[in-house]
Amino acid sequence: MWWINYFGGYHANGFGGQYMFVVPESNLIVVFTGEVFGEDFFMPQLAMERYII
């Protein structure tokens, strides 16, 4: 499934915290891989908003 980002664009997420963010306005695609479970599951989204965008 694809989800709309609150900071623009959209993303897909997979098992264990795998994320693919697409932000066409910034001509940007970012992929996170790793094991992120529990309350840390949304850390890639926070990293996108705070450090990349």
PDB file of N, CA and C in Angstrom:
ATOM      1  N   MET A   1       0.828  -1.180   0.000  1.00  0.00           N
ATOM      2  CA  MET A   1       0.000   0.000   0.000  1.00  0.00           C
ATOM      3  C   MET A   1       0.871   1.242   0.000  1.00  0.00           C
ATOM      4  N   TRP A   2       0.339   2.290  -0.563  1.00  0.00           N
ATOM      5  CA  TRP A   2       0.997   3.588  -0.549  1.00  0.00           C
ATOM      6  C   TRP A   2       0.245   4.509   0.388  1.00  0.00           C
ATOM      7  N   TRP A   3       0.981   5.336   1.107  1.00  0.00           N
ATOM      8  CA  TRP A   3       0.418   6.251   2.089  1.00  0.00           C
ATOM      9  C   TRP A   3       0.861   7.669   1.747  1.00  0.00           C
ATOM     10  N   ILE A   4       0.016   8.637   2.056  1.00  0.00           N
ATOM     11  CA  ILE A   4       0.342  10.042   1.830  1.00  0.00           C
ATOM     12  C   ILE A   4       1.175  10.555   3.008  1.00  0.00           C
ATOM     13  N   ASN A   5       2.310  11.195   2.713  1.00  0.00           N
ATOM     14  CA  ASN A   5       3.143  11.792   3.756  1.00  0.00           C
ATOM     15  C   ASN A   5       2.539  13.106   4.220  1.00  0.00           C
ATOM     16  N   TYR A   6       2.642  13.405   5.487  1.00  0.00           N
ATOM     17  CA  TYR A   6       2.172  14.695   5.981  1.00  0.00           C
ATOM     18  C   TYR A   6       3.121  15.820   5.606  1.00  0.00           C
ATOM     19  N   PHE A   7       4.353  15.508   5.161  1.00  0.00           N
ATOM     20  CA  PHE A   7       5.323  16.517   4.730  1.00  0.00           C
ATOM     21  C   PHE A   7       5.417  16.610   3.210  1.00  0.00           C
ATOM     22  N   GLY A   8       4.531  15.918   2.493  1.00  0.00           N
ATOM     23  CA  GLY A   8       4.507  15.954   1.033  1.00  0.00           C
ATOM     24  C   GLY A   8       4.922  14.626   0.441  1.00  0.00           C
ATOM     25  N   GLY A   9       4.375  14.290  -0.702  1.00  0.00           N
ATOM     26  CA  GLY A   9       4.705  13.035  -1.368  1.00  0.00           C
ATOM     27  C   GLY A   9       3.963  11.859  -0.763  1.00  0.00           C
ATOM     28  N   TYR A  10       4.548  10.676  -0.901  1.00  0.00           N
ATOM     29  CA  TYR A  10       3.916   9.447  -0.451  1.00  0.00           C
ATOM     30  C   TYR A  10       4.978   8.431  -0.085  1.00  0.00           C
ATOM     31  N   HIS A  11       4.577   7.342   0.577  1.00  0.00           N
ATOM     32  CA  HIS A  11       5.540   6.311   0.973  1.00  0.00           C
ATOM     33  C   HIS A  11       4.872   4.944   1.046  1.00  0.00           C
ATOM     34  N   ALA A  12       5.714   3.926   0.973  1.00  0.00           N
ATOM     35  CA  ALA A  12       5.312   2.536   1.208  1.00  0.00           C
ATOM     36  C   ALA A  12       6.185   2.039   2.357  1.00  0.00           C
ATOM     37  N   ASN A  13       5.609   1.206   3.214  1.00  0.00           N
ATOM     38  CA  ASN A  13       6.424   0.628   4.276  1.00  0.00           C
ATOM     39  C   ASN A  13       6.223  -0.873   4.316  1.00  0.00           C
ATOM     40  N   GLY A  14       7.288  -1.546   4.744  1.00  0.00           N
ATOM     41  CA  GLY A  14       7.268  -2.998   4.764  1.00  0.00           C
ATOM     42  C   GLY A  14       7.639  -3.537   6.132  1.00  0.00           C
ATOM     43  N   PHE A  15       7.831  -4.816   6.209  1.00  0.00           N
ATOM     44  CA  PHE A  15       8.112  -5.516   7.459  1.00  0.00           C
ATOM     45  C   PHE A  15       9.391  -5.001   8.111  1.00  0.00           C
ATOM     46  N   GLY A  16       9.337  -4.762   9.389  1.00  0.00           N
ATOM     47  CA  GLY A  16      10.532  -4.426  10.152  1.00  0.00           C
ATOM     48  C   GLY A  16      11.060  -3.022   9.941  1.00  0.00           C
ATOM     49  N   GLY A  17      10.259  -2.119   9.450  1.00  0.00           N
ATOM     50  CA  GLY A  17      10.715  -0.743   9.300  1.00  0.00           C
ATOM     51  C   GLY A  17      11.330  -0.414   7.962  1.00  0.00           C
ATOM     52  N   GLN A  18      11.049  -1.186   6.942  1.00  0.00           N
ATOM     53  CA  GLN A  18      11.518  -0.849   5.604  1.00  0.00           C
ATOM     54  C   GLN A  18      10.577   0.209   5.029  1.00  0.00           C
ATOM     55  N   TYR A  19      11.148   1.313   4.597  1.00  0.00           N
ATOM     56  CA  TYR A  19      10.362   2.420   4.066  1.00  0.00           C
ATOM     57  C   TYR A  19      10.923   2.867   2.725  1.00  0.00           C
ATOM     58  N   MET A  20      10.030   3.316   1.842  1.00  0.00           N
ATOM     59  CA  MET A  20      10.426   3.982   0.610  1.00  0.00           C
ATOM     60  C   MET A  20       9.595   5.249   0.508  1.00  0.00           C
ATOM     61  N   PHE A  21      10.260   6.390   0.572  1.00  0.00           N
ATOM     62  CA  PHE A  21       9.605   7.687   0.487  1.00  0.00           C
ATOM     63  C   PHE A  21       9.810   8.273  -0.899  1.00  0.00           C
ATOM     64  N   VAL A  22       8.772   8.835  -1.471  1.00  0.00           N
ATOM     65  CA  VAL A  22       8.838   9.518  -2.754  1.00  0.00           C
ATOM     66  C   VAL A  22       8.282  10.916  -2.539  1.00  0.00           C
ATOM     67  N   VAL A  23       9.106  11.922  -2.823  1.00  0.00           N
ATOM     68  CA  VAL A  23       8.686  13.314  -2.662  1.00  0.00           C
ATOM     69  C   VAL A  23       8.939  14.023  -3.989  1.00  0.00           C
ATOM     70  N   PRO A  24       7.978  13.962  -4.912  1.00  0.00           N
ATOM     71  CA  PRO A  24       8.188  14.533  -6.250  1.00  0.00           C
ATOM     72  C   PRO A  24       8.505  16.025  -6.232  1.00  0.00           C
ATOM     73  N   GLU A  25       7.929  16.778  -5.291  1.00  0.00           N
ATOM     74  CA  GLU A  25       8.170  18.222  -5.224  1.00  0.00           C
ATOM     75  C   GLU A  25       9.651  18.546  -5.014  1.00  0.00           C
ATOM     76  N   SER A  26      10.358  17.638  -4.353  1.00  0.00           N
ATOM     77  CA  SER A  26      11.790  17.824  -4.080  1.00  0.00           C
ATOM     78  C   SER A  26      12.663  16.962  -4.974  1.00  0.00           C
ATOM     79  N   ASN A  27      12.044  16.244  -5.934  1.00  0.00           N
ATOM     80  CA  ASN A  27      12.780  15.332  -6.816  1.00  0.00           C
ATOM     81  C   ASN A  27      13.607  14.349  -5.976  1.00  0.00           C
ATOM     82  N   LEU A  28      12.941  13.681  -5.019  1.00  0.00           N
ATOM     83  CA  LEU A  28      13.621  12.906  -4.000  1.00  0.00           C
ATOM     84  C   LEU A  28      12.983  11.538  -3.810  1.00  0.00           C
ATOM     85  N   ILE A  29      13.822  10.511  -3.725  1.00  0.00           N
ATOM     86  CA  ILE A  29      13.411   9.168  -3.326  1.00  0.00           C
ATOM     87  C   ILE A  29      14.384   8.721  -2.243  1.00  0.00           C
ATOM     88  N   VAL A  30      13.855   8.281  -1.099  1.00  0.00           N
ATOM     89  CA  VAL A  30      14.693   7.851   0.028  1.00  0.00           C
ATOM     90  C   VAL A  30      14.219   6.481   0.485  1.00  0.00           C
ATOM     91  N   VAL A  31      15.179   5.576   0.709  1.00  0.00           N
ATOM     92  CA  VAL A  31      14.853   4.219   1.153  1.00  0.00           C
ATOM     93  C   VAL A  31      15.564   3.942   2.477  1.00  0.00           C
ATOM     94  N   PHE A  32      14.814   3.414   3.434  1.00  0.00           N
ATOM     95  CA  PHE A  32      15.364   2.978   4.721  1.00  0.00           C
ATOM     96  C   PHE A  32      15.178   1.467   4.815  1.00  0.00           C
ATOM     97  N   THR A  33      16.224   0.763   5.225  1.00  0.00           N
ATOM     98  CA  THR A  33      16.111  -0.664   5.502  1.00  0.00           C
ATOM     99  C   THR A  33      16.618  -0.900   6.918  1.00  0.00           C
ATOM    100  N   GLY A  34      16.124  -1.899   7.561  1.00  0.00           N
ATOM    101  CA  GLY A  34      16.586  -2.198   8.906  1.00  0.00           C
ATOM    102  C   GLY A  34      15.493  -2.846   9.721  1.00  0.00           C
ATOM    103  N   GLU A  35      15.794  -3.035  10.994  1.00  0.00           N
ATOM    104  CA  GLU A  35      14.837  -3.649  11.910  1.00  0.00           C
ATOM    105  C   GLU A  35      14.380  -2.607  12.909  1.00  0.00           C
ATOM    106  N   VAL A  36      13.178  -2.104  12.706  1.00  0.00           N
ATOM    107  CA  VAL A  36      12.597  -1.103  13.592  1.00  0.00           C
ATOM    108  C   VAL A  36      11.221  -1.607  13.995  1.00  0.00           C
ATOM    109  N   PHE A  37      11.062  -1.914  15.266  1.00  0.00           N
ATOM    110  CA  PHE A  37       9.793  -2.440  15.762  1.00  0.00           C
ATOM    111  C   PHE A  37       9.300  -1.610  16.936  1.00  0.00           C
ATOM    112  N   GLY A  38       8.067  -1.821  17.327  1.00  0.00           N
ATOM    113  CA  GLY A  38       7.504  -1.161  18.501  1.00  0.00           C
ATOM    114  C   GLY A  38       7.391   0.332  18.333  1.00  0.00           C
ATOM    115  N   GLU A  39       7.709   1.052  19.384  1.00  0.00           N
ATOM    116  CA  GLU A  39       7.551   2.503  19.352  1.00  0.00           C
ATOM    117  C   GLU A  39       8.555   3.194  18.436  1.00  0.00           C
ATOM    118  N   ASP A  40       9.615   2.513  18.011  1.00  0.00           N
ATOM    119  CA  ASP A  40      10.587   3.083  17.071  1.00  0.00           C
ATOM    120  C   ASP A  40      10.168   2.925  15.610  1.00  0.00           C
ATOM    121  N   PHE A  41       9.031   2.293  15.360  1.00  0.00           N
ATOM    122  CA  PHE A  41       8.611   1.994  13.988  1.00  0.00           C
ATOM    123  C   PHE A  41       8.521   3.246  13.110  1.00  0.00           C
ATOM    124  N   PHE A  42       8.182   4.389  13.688  1.00  0.00           N
ATOM    125  CA  PHE A  42       7.996   5.602  12.896  1.00  0.00           C
ATOM    126  C   PHE A  42       9.248   6.475  12.827  1.00  0.00           C
ATOM    127  N   MET A  43      10.375   5.996  13.308  1.00  0.00           N
ATOM    128  CA  MET A  43      11.614   6.768  13.273  1.00  0.00           C
ATOM    129  C   MET A  43      12.022   7.183  11.853  1.00  0.00           C
ATOM    130  N   PRO A  44      11.871   6.332  10.827  1.00  0.00           N
ATOM    131  CA  PRO A  44      12.203   6.798   9.476  1.00  0.00           C
ATOM    132  C   PRO A  44      11.368   8.006   9.034  1.00  0.00           C
ATOM    133  N   GLN A  45      10.095   8.044   9.407  1.00  0.00           N
ATOM    134  CA  GLN A  45       9.260   9.200   9.064  1.00  0.00           C
ATOM    135  C   GLN A  45       9.760  10.451   9.784  1.00  0.00           C
ATOM    136  N   LEU A  46      10.125  10.318  11.045  1.00  0.00           N
ATOM    137  CA  LEU A  46      10.658  11.456  11.783  1.00  0.00           C
ATOM    138  C   LEU A  46      11.985  11.922  11.204  1.00  0.00           C
ATOM    139  N   ALA A  47      12.843  10.989  10.805  1.00  0.00           N
ATOM    140  CA  ALA A  47      14.119  11.352  10.184  1.00  0.00           C
ATOM    141  C   ALA A  47      13.897  12.111   8.881  1.00  0.00           C
ATOM    142  N   MET A  48      12.920  11.685   8.102  1.00  0.00           N
ATOM    143  CA  MET A  48      12.597  12.391   6.859  1.00  0.00           C
ATOM    144  C   MET A  48      12.191  13.829   7.155  1.00  0.00           C
ATOM    145  N   GLU A  49      11.297  14.008   8.107  1.00  0.00           N
ATOM    146  CA  GLU A  49      10.774  15.342   8.405  1.00  0.00           C
ATOM    147  C   GLU A  49      11.843  16.241   9.033  1.00  0.00           C
ATOM    148  N   ARG A  50      12.611  15.707   9.979  1.00  0.00           N
ATOM    149  CA  ARG A  50      13.548  16.536  10.735  1.00  0.00           C
ATOM    150  C   ARG A  50      14.887  16.790  10.044  1.00  0.00           C
ATOM    151  N   TYR A  51      15.388  15.802   9.279  1.00  0.00           N
ATOM    152  CA  TYR A  51      16.755  15.903   8.776  1.00  0.00           C
ATOM    153  C   TYR A  51      16.889  15.911   7.251  1.00  0.00           C
ATOM    154  N   ILE A  52      15.953  15.342   6.537  1.00  0.00           N
ATOM    155  CA  ILE A  52      16.118  15.210   5.088  1.00  0.00           C
ATOM    156  C   ILE A  52      15.316  16.241   4.318  1.00  0.00           C
ATOM    157  N   ILE A  53      14.082  16.459   4.720  1.00  0.00           N
ATOM    158  CA  ILE A  53      13.216  17.412   3.991  1.00  0.00           C
ATOM    159  C   ILE A  53      13.635  18.833   4.304  1.00  0.00           C
TER     160      ILE A  53
END
